[in-house]
Amino acid sequence: MLFRSVDAMMQSFFRGLGEFRTVMLVSLSQIALRVVLSFWLVPRLGVPAIAHSTAAGWVMIFFVLTWLMRRYFKTTASKRL
């Protein structure tokens, strides 16, 4: 739940900047990861694999958006100097 809440905040940040394409691409990559992990893990773990895949997707989107935000702030800080 924590990752989901922070992800929503970071996605709103990028939408506010007008970076809709960035949010869309990160979200689509998260969905792709969840689908691939679900198909790969369900035969081994059963239905709980879907929950694990969902959690992995939210963790992935958290790290990608964190990296993008750090990159954004480094770029804007260097422009101010």
C-alpha atoms as a PDB file:
ATOM      1  CA  MET A   1       0.000   0.000   0.000  1.00  0.00           C
ATOM      2  CA  LEU A   2       2.886   2.353   0.767  1.00  0.00           C
ATOM      3  CA  PHE A   3       4.420   1.959  -2.685  1.00  0.00           C
ATOM      4  CA  ARG A   4       1.043   2.533  -4.322  1.00  0.00           C
ATOM      5  CA  SER A   5       0.463   5.767  -2.401  1.00  0.00           C
ATOM      6  CA  VAL A   6       3.906   7.161  -3.145  1.00  0.00           C
ATOM      7  CA  ASP A   7       3.592   6.074  -6.790  1.00  0.00           C
ATOM      8  CA  ALA A   8       0.325   8.001  -7.119  1.00  0.00           C
ATOM      9  CA  MET A   9       2.007  11.112  -5.725  1.00  0.00           C
ATOM     10  CA  MET A  10       4.977  10.814  -8.099  1.00  0.00           C
ATOM     11  CA  GLN A  11       2.713  10.180 -11.091  1.00  0.00           C
ATOM     12  CA  SER A  12       0.729  13.310 -10.179  1.00  0.00           C
ATOM     13  CA  PHE A  13       3.990  15.267 -10.018  1.00  0.00           C
ATOM     14  CA  PHE A  14       4.888  14.271 -13.589  1.00  0.00           C
ATOM     15  CA  ARG A  15       1.352  14.882 -14.844  1.00  0.00           C
ATOM     16  CA  GLY A  16       1.515  18.366 -13.316  1.00  0.00           C
ATOM     17  CA  LEU A  17       4.672  18.996 -15.338  1.00  0.00           C
ATOM     18  CA  GLY A  18       2.852  17.882 -18.483  1.00  0.00           C
ATOM     19  CA  GLU A  19       4.914  14.688 -18.746  1.00  0.00           C
ATOM     20  CA  PHE A  20       1.956  12.487 -19.680  1.00  0.00           C
ATOM     21  CA  ARG A  21       4.056  10.337 -21.992  1.00  0.00           C
ATOM     22  CA  THR A  22       6.495   9.519 -19.186  1.00  0.00           C
ATOM     23  CA  VAL A  23       3.689   8.427 -16.856  1.00  0.00           C
ATOM     24  CA  MET A  24       2.101   6.361 -19.621  1.00  0.00           C
ATOM     25  CA  LEU A  25       5.337   4.569 -20.537  1.00  0.00           C
ATOM     26  CA  VAL A  26       6.194   3.790 -16.915  1.00  0.00           C
ATOM     27  CA  SER A  27       2.668   2.515 -16.284  1.00  0.00           C
ATOM     28  CA  LEU A  28       2.715   0.343 -19.406  1.00  0.00           C
ATOM     29  CA  SER A  29       6.060  -1.148 -18.431  1.00  0.00           C
ATOM     30  CA  GLN A  30       4.658  -1.940 -14.994  1.00  0.00           C
ATOM     31  CA  ILE A  31       1.652  -3.659 -16.537  1.00  0.00           C
ATOM     32  CA  ALA A  32       3.923  -5.656 -18.850  1.00  0.00           C
ATOM     33  CA  LEU A  33       6.043  -6.773 -15.893  1.00  0.00           C
ATOM     34  CA  ARG A  34       2.953  -7.841 -13.965  1.00  0.00           C
ATOM     35  CA  VAL A  35       1.600  -9.868 -16.879  1.00  0.00           C
ATOM     36  CA  VAL A  36       4.916 -11.606 -17.569  1.00  0.00           C
ATOM     37  CA  LEU A  37       5.491 -12.406 -13.891  1.00  0.00           C
ATOM     38  CA  SER A  38       1.927 -13.676 -13.494  1.00  0.00           C
ATOM     39  CA  PHE A  39       2.242 -16.061 -16.430  1.00  0.00           C
ATOM     40  CA  TRP A  40       5.630 -17.227 -15.204  1.00  0.00           C
ATOM     41  CA  LEU A  41       4.775 -17.613 -11.514  1.00  0.00           C
ATOM     42  CA  VAL A  42       1.177 -18.898 -11.544  1.00  0.00           C
ATOM     43  CA  PRO A  43       2.128 -22.458 -12.582  1.00  0.00           C
ATOM     44  CA  ARG A  44       4.661 -22.578  -9.754  1.00  0.00           C
ATOM     45  CA  LEU A  45       2.871 -20.712  -6.936  1.00  0.00           C
ATOM     46  CA  GLY A  46      -0.786 -20.707  -7.916  1.00  0.00           C
ATOM     47  CA  VAL A  47      -3.106 -17.751  -7.351  1.00  0.00           C
ATOM     48  CA  PRO A  48      -0.850 -16.019  -4.769  1.00  0.00           C
ATOM     49  CA  ALA A  49       1.587 -15.433  -7.632  1.00  0.00           C
ATOM     50  CA  ILE A  50      -0.763 -12.741  -8.955  1.00  0.00           C
ATOM     51  CA  ALA A  51      -0.418 -10.840  -5.681  1.00  0.00           C
ATOM     52  CA  HIS A  52       3.360 -11.196  -5.828  1.00  0.00           C
ATOM     53  CA  SER A  53       3.382  -9.967  -9.424  1.00  0.00           C
ATOM     54  CA  THR A  54       1.262  -6.960  -8.511  1.00  0.00           C
ATOM     55  CA  ALA A  55       3.556  -6.076  -5.624  1.00  0.00           C
ATOM     56  CA  ALA A  56       6.618  -6.437  -7.848  1.00  0.00           C
ATOM     57  CA  GLY A  57       5.007  -4.104 -10.387  1.00  0.00           C
ATOM     58  CA  TRP A  58       4.390  -1.397  -7.786  1.00  0.00           C
ATOM     59  CA  VAL A  59       7.917  -1.716  -6.427  1.00  0.00           C
ATOM     60  CA  MET A  60       9.303  -1.433  -9.964  1.00  0.00           C
ATOM     61  CA  ILE A  61       7.249   1.673 -10.751  1.00  0.00           C
ATOM     62  CA  PHE A  62       8.356   3.221  -7.438  1.00  0.00           C
ATOM     63  CA  PHE A  63      12.044   2.797  -8.274  1.00  0.00           C
ATOM     64  CA  VAL A  64      11.664   3.991 -11.869  1.00  0.00           C
ATOM     65  CA  LEU A  65       9.728   7.116 -10.850  1.00  0.00           C
ATOM     66  CA  THR A  66      12.181   7.811  -8.032  1.00  0.00           C
ATOM     67  CA  TRP A  67      15.058   7.623 -10.507  1.00  0.00           C
ATOM     68  CA  LEU A  68      13.207   9.915 -12.943  1.00  0.00           C
ATOM     69  CA  MET A  69      12.427  12.444 -10.197  1.00  0.00           C
ATOM     70  CA  ARG A  70      16.062  12.514  -9.048  1.00  0.00           C
ATOM     71  CA  ARG A  71      17.134  13.050 -12.637  1.00  0.00           C
ATOM     72  CA  TYR A  72      14.577  15.856 -13.039  1.00  0.00           C
ATOM     73  CA  PHE A  73      15.727  17.667  -9.894  1.00  0.00           C
ATOM     74  CA  LYS A  74      19.404  17.338 -10.807  1.00  0.00           C
ATOM     75  CA  THR A  75      18.668  18.868 -14.218  1.00  0.00           C
ATOM     76  CA  THR A  76      16.605  21.760 -12.857  1.00  0.00           C
ATOM     77  CA  ALA A  77      19.132  22.474 -10.083  1.00  0.00           C
ATOM     78  CA  SER A  78      21.971  22.750 -12.595  1.00  0.00           C
ATOM     79  CA  LYS A  79      19.908  25.149 -14.736  1.00  0.00           C
ATOM     80  CA  ARG A  80      19.439  27.510 -11.770  1.00  0.00           C
ATOM     81  CA  LEU A  81      23.182  27.864 -11.214  1.00  0.00           C
END
